[in-house]
Amino acid sequence: MTASHASPTPVNPAPLGRVVATERQPNTPHAFHFWTALDAPIGIGTIVRVEGTIPVEAAIPRVYGVVTEAVSYSDVQSPLHDVLGYDGVPADGPPVPTARTEIRLYTAQVLRHVPEEPLQPVPMGAVYLADDADVAVALRMDAYLRGATPTGIPIGVYKAGGMRSPIFVDADFLVGPEAAHLNISGVSGLATKTSAVEWLLQATFAHFPAHRGRIAAVCFNVKGPDLCFLDQPGQIDDADRELYDLLQVPATPFQQVQYFAPYTARGHALNTLRSHPDLAESVTPLTWGLTEVLQFAEVLLNKDDVDAKADALIDFIRERVVGRDFTDPRFTRTHRVQSFADLDAWFRDVLRVLEESNGDTWRTHHAATIRKVRNRLSNLSTRCAGLVTDDGLASDLPFGSFADRTVYVVDVANVEEDAQDLVFARVVSKLREHLERRDLGVDHVIVFVDELNKYAPHDGPDTYVRKMLLDIAERGRYLGLVLFGAEQFRSQVHRRVTGNAGTTVYGRMDADELAHPGYQVLSPAVKARLATLDKGQLMVRHPHFTQPVFVRFPRPAVMSGRTGVERYPQAPEPTVAQAVTRDLRRLDARVELGWVQQTTLLYDEPVVLAARNAVLRLRPDDVKAAFTRELARRARPTATEAESVTPRPRPLRAFTPDEYGG
């Protein structure tokens, strides 16, 4: 704990209550009861300290607990006695000679015994409101906040009795290797899930210890503009700034954010809500060719349709055909397949050989299987138009050169489900491969996936994406691959995903959701508080905390999605010439719309877009020359086409004999 956080000065050093135990309600080593004065600042979630009076093994026992239940009652035997006491008139009844005795009785769950052994029932003694030092000891934060290499990451502020104590989680249990993963649940629209994750990423980047390595985050934006403006400043007030100062996190937007989005189906613009001209240049195209997609073809292909024979042919293509010279004595030429267009040419040659030989098989693959696989693979670029390109060019995340404390946002909110599944599967698989080889550029990657109800449901089909998320949850921490997942209904997410989350965070919960058996460990009072949490309040469970703790976190210092789309409205989809001009200007400001229109006049739109993609990928010094060369390489206009657009000389007007007076 830093010096500014270790403020052990108690706000109220006087005891607020005393432990009480009866034969019917005895204290145990794990729970105890205490009463307080009526004006004591105690409530559900308050952390208290019990001071024993009798030493055990020469040490006065000290017990820390968190309030989980509260009741109040008086000496009235029945409601009828109270009604009679007021003559049935609540407001204007006769004066009561003696005020009735009222008691406030609380139940607390034990957070920690000091000393830990022997573990005995909570002793009778005075109850105090926990101060900063007590909170640190009660939650075992002292184990990872002190010393030469602290590993605490702030998650929020605990408030009680006028005190504000920063709450830290252990980086070793949030990012690994001891435990890992975070799961957050809460109803939509109450600043819970997305805001909390944005805040936690800011706090993690600010406090992740350098001796634990380099860290980055990959966030999948799956709905609306939620994560499209992480590099823009948001609106926070003085109360938020106080929390940022207390938790020692800079109240600034993320300093390093890279955006990636596939093209729209037409290919003119990127398929993202971050398309305003002021921000569009910061978004990098995400496009993949045959080589990148074929490895994950099973994500897109229907298992009922593609059987073992088709799988064998796809494996043959992947291992023997793609990316290498393929020669067959009966083929018209040597094929080097690097794109879907090359693959289709290869298929045509194979089918031609079959027809000429009047046979049914080619290299043990039946003709029907070959035709089916050709149909399925050729259809991928159409089903994932904008993401998968026919020409084989790829624009990808910078695998191998990830930067420390950088957020990589992959915007797939507006793409089809098939394309979303493909993006999830390939990006996470590549992260895993590079982390295994230790050549990603960072040592830890936090993967944020929202809507786990949809992508990792506890029932439904066993999709590739769900298997991938289960694999991260169960084995990712050994690699440094950490899952931050969010969902509205925790009970509907696969138990192996939620169960492997070392840290669990709850925002306001729906009462129906709290009725599920998974919440039986919570007391009725805690459930009631969970159902009424305000914006910015969370309940946190962490391996070091033996009981859940309520905290408040500041609003993230980044622009919200709603504000972002109002300030930076989405640009209309441009024409192909406008799109090419805008994209090429990123590389060379001298590119003009007129030059692009004149240069692309003879070429079809797919050729123009393919040439643009190639130039963006190559990033040449002479952009105009490279673009012209790419156009010519893909298609050469015929003489007729050139003649049709070539300006014809205007015919000379014939002179009349008397025009000059002749």
Foldseek 3Di string as FASTA:
>chain_A
DDPLQPDQDDPDPDFFWKWDADPVRHFWLWKTKIWGDPPFQADQQFKKKFWADDDDPNHTKIWIWGWFDKDKDWPDPDVVVVCVQQVNDVPDGDDRPDDTDMIIMTMTTTQAMVVRPPRTTDHIGTMGGGAQVRVCVSLVVVVQCDDDFHQWFWQFWFDIPRHTHTDTFGNCQDQHDVAHFEEEAAAPDFQGALQSVQQSLQRCLQRGTPVVWFEEEEEEAAAFQFPVFQQAFADFDPVQVVGCVSSVGDQHGQPAEAEEFFCDLLLLAGPHQQAFLVRRLRYDYFAFFDLLQLVVLVQQDDDVQQDPLLVVVSVCCNPPAEQDWDDDPQFPDIQHDQGLVSVLVVLVRVVVVCVVVVHQDDPNRGPVSSVSSNVSVNCVCVLFRRHYDRVNDGDHDQFQADDGSHYYYYYPNPGDPSNVSSVLLSVLVSVQVCLVVVRRNIQAYEYEDEALLPQAFQDDDPHPSNVSLLCCLPPVSVSRYHYHYYHHAPVGGHCSNVVSHQKYKYAQHDPVSCVDPVNVVRDPSVNVCSNVHHRQKMWMDHPSGPDIHIGGHTGRRIHGSVVVCVVRPHDPRDDNLVSLQSLLCSLPVVRDSVVSCVLCVLDDSSQLSVLSSVCSVVSDNPSVVSSSVSSCVVDDGDPVSVVVPDDDDDDDDDDDPCPVDD
